[in-house]
């Protein structure tokens, strides 16, 4: 399965469950108030084991996921842009050729 995480832009995108600390995600979404006694007990256990290191690891995981998504989106947009610029560059457009050169540098970053 996958978990939908809401990013800073408000969009929801699927994230592999293995990439996220499910208990911590639940705690951050609900706090200590569960809908059942067993959920409340689970949330209390998460709170009792919450450490700065665990929070830091959770945020690192979310950051990695976000960077991977941005890189994927960038590559998709870059490919479309490059196709259009290459078509223009064939007609000896110096601007297109210069932009393509710069985009290749950015792509390798």
Protein backbone atom coordinates (compact mmCIF):
# COMPACT_ATOMS: atom_id res chain seq x y z
CA UNK A 1 0.00 0.00 0.00
CA UNK A 2 0.93 3.63 -0.05
CA UNK A 3 0.28 6.63 2.12
CA UNK A 4 -0.71 9.99 0.67
CA UNK A 5 1.34 12.79 2.17
CA UNK A 6 0.40 16.40 1.85
CA UNK A 7 3.29 18.53 0.68
CA UNK A 8 3.93 22.21 1.25
CA UNK A 9 2.02 23.04 -1.92
CA UNK A 10 -1.04 21.18 -0.61
CA UNK A 11 -0.86 18.41 -3.17
CA UNK A 12 -1.25 14.77 -2.27
CA UNK A 13 1.08 12.24 -3.78
CA UNK A 14 1.62 8.57 -3.05
CA UNK A 15 4.60 7.72 -0.88
CA UNK A 16 5.76 4.15 -0.33
CA UNK A 17 4.72 3.01 3.15
CA UNK A 18 8.19 1.65 3.84
CA UNK A 19 9.57 5.18 3.48
CA UNK A 20 7.49 6.66 6.31
CA UNK A 21 7.29 5.99 10.05
CA UNK A 22 3.60 5.02 10.20
CA UNK A 23 3.26 5.40 13.97
CA UNK A 24 4.87 8.82 13.99
CA UNK A 25 2.74 9.90 11.02
CA UNK A 26 -0.38 8.85 12.91
CA UNK A 27 0.75 10.66 16.05
CA UNK A 28 1.48 13.88 14.13
CA UNK A 29 -1.94 13.70 12.47
CA UNK A 30 -3.96 12.93 15.61
CA UNK A 31 -1.94 13.93 18.66
CA UNK A 32 -2.82 11.88 21.73
CA UNK A 33 -6.53 11.59 20.96
CA UNK A 34 -7.45 8.32 19.29
CA UNK A 35 -10.90 7.23 18.17
CA UNK A 36 -10.68 4.02 20.19
CA UNK A 37 -9.03 3.01 23.44
CA UNK A 38 -6.53 0.85 21.55
CA UNK A 39 -5.62 3.73 19.23
CA UNK A 40 -5.20 6.09 22.19
CA UNK A 41 -2.91 3.52 23.82
CA UNK A 42 -0.91 3.21 20.58
CA UNK A 43 -0.57 6.99 20.34
CA UNK A 44 0.53 7.22 23.97
CA UNK A 45 3.21 4.59 23.28
CA UNK A 46 4.45 6.57 20.28
CA UNK A 47 4.59 9.72 22.40
CA UNK A 48 6.54 7.90 25.14
CA UNK A 49 9.17 6.78 22.62
CA UNK A 50 9.36 10.06 20.73
CA UNK A 51 12.89 11.43 20.58
CA UNK A 52 14.52 14.31 18.73
CA UNK A 53 16.50 11.74 16.72
CA UNK A 54 13.31 9.97 15.59
CA UNK A 55 11.73 13.27 14.54
CA UNK A 56 14.90 14.24 12.68
CA UNK A 57 14.95 10.91 10.81
CA UNK A 58 11.26 11.31 9.94
CA UNK A 59 11.88 14.77 8.49
CA UNK A 60 14.95 13.54 6.58
CA UNK A 61 12.81 10.82 5.01
CA UNK A 62 10.16 13.34 3.99
CA UNK A 63 12.84 15.65 2.57
CA UNK A 64 14.34 12.80 0.51
CA UNK A 65 10.91 11.92 -0.83
CA UNK A 66 10.26 15.56 -1.73
CA UNK A 67 13.61 15.96 -3.49
CA UNK A 68 13.02 12.77 -5.49
CA UNK A 69 9.60 14.05 -6.58
CA UNK A 70 10.99 17.46 -7.60
CA UNK A 71 13.83 15.85 -9.58
CA UNK A 72 11.38 13.54 -11.39
CA UNK A 73 9.08 16.46 -12.23
CA UNK A 74 12.03 18.58 -13.36
CA UNK A 75 13.29 15.83 -15.69
CA UNK A 76 9.83 15.49 -17.24
CA UNK A 77 9.51 19.22 -17.91
CA UNK A 78 13.11 19.45 -19.05
CA UNK A 79 12.63 16.69 -21.63
CA UNK A 80 9.66 18.49 -23.18
CA UNK A 81 11.49 21.82 -23.19
CA UNK A 82 14.59 20.27 -24.74
CA UNK A 83 12.56 18.69 -27.55
CA UNK A 84 11.02 22.04 -28.42
CA UNK A 85 14.31 23.92 -28.21
CA UNK A 86 16.13 21.31 -30.31
CA UNK A 87 13.53 21.77 -33.05
CA UNK A 88 14.13 25.53 -32.95
CA UNK A 89 17.92 25.14 -32.78
CA UNK A 90 17.93 23.24 -36.08
CA UNK A 91 16.90 26.47 -37.77
CA UNK A 92 20.10 28.15 -36.52
CA UNK A 93 18.50 29.92 -33.58
CA UNK A 94 21.42 31.02 -31.38
CA UNK A 95 19.17 31.63 -28.37
CA UNK A 96 17.81 28.08 -28.47
CA UNK A 97 21.30 26.63 -28.73
CA UNK A 98 22.50 28.73 -25.77
CA UNK A 99 19.50 27.78 -23.62
CA UNK A 100 20.00 24.10 -24.48
CA UNK A 101 23.63 24.33 -23.38
CA UNK A 102 22.65 25.85 -20.05
CA UNK A 103 19.90 23.28 -19.52
CA UNK A 104 22.40 20.47 -20.05
CA UNK A 105 24.57 21.97 -17.30
CA UNK A 106 21.60 22.18 -14.94
CA UNK A 107 20.57 18.62 -15.78
CA UNK A 108 23.96 17.31 -14.67
CA UNK A 109 23.77 19.08 -11.29
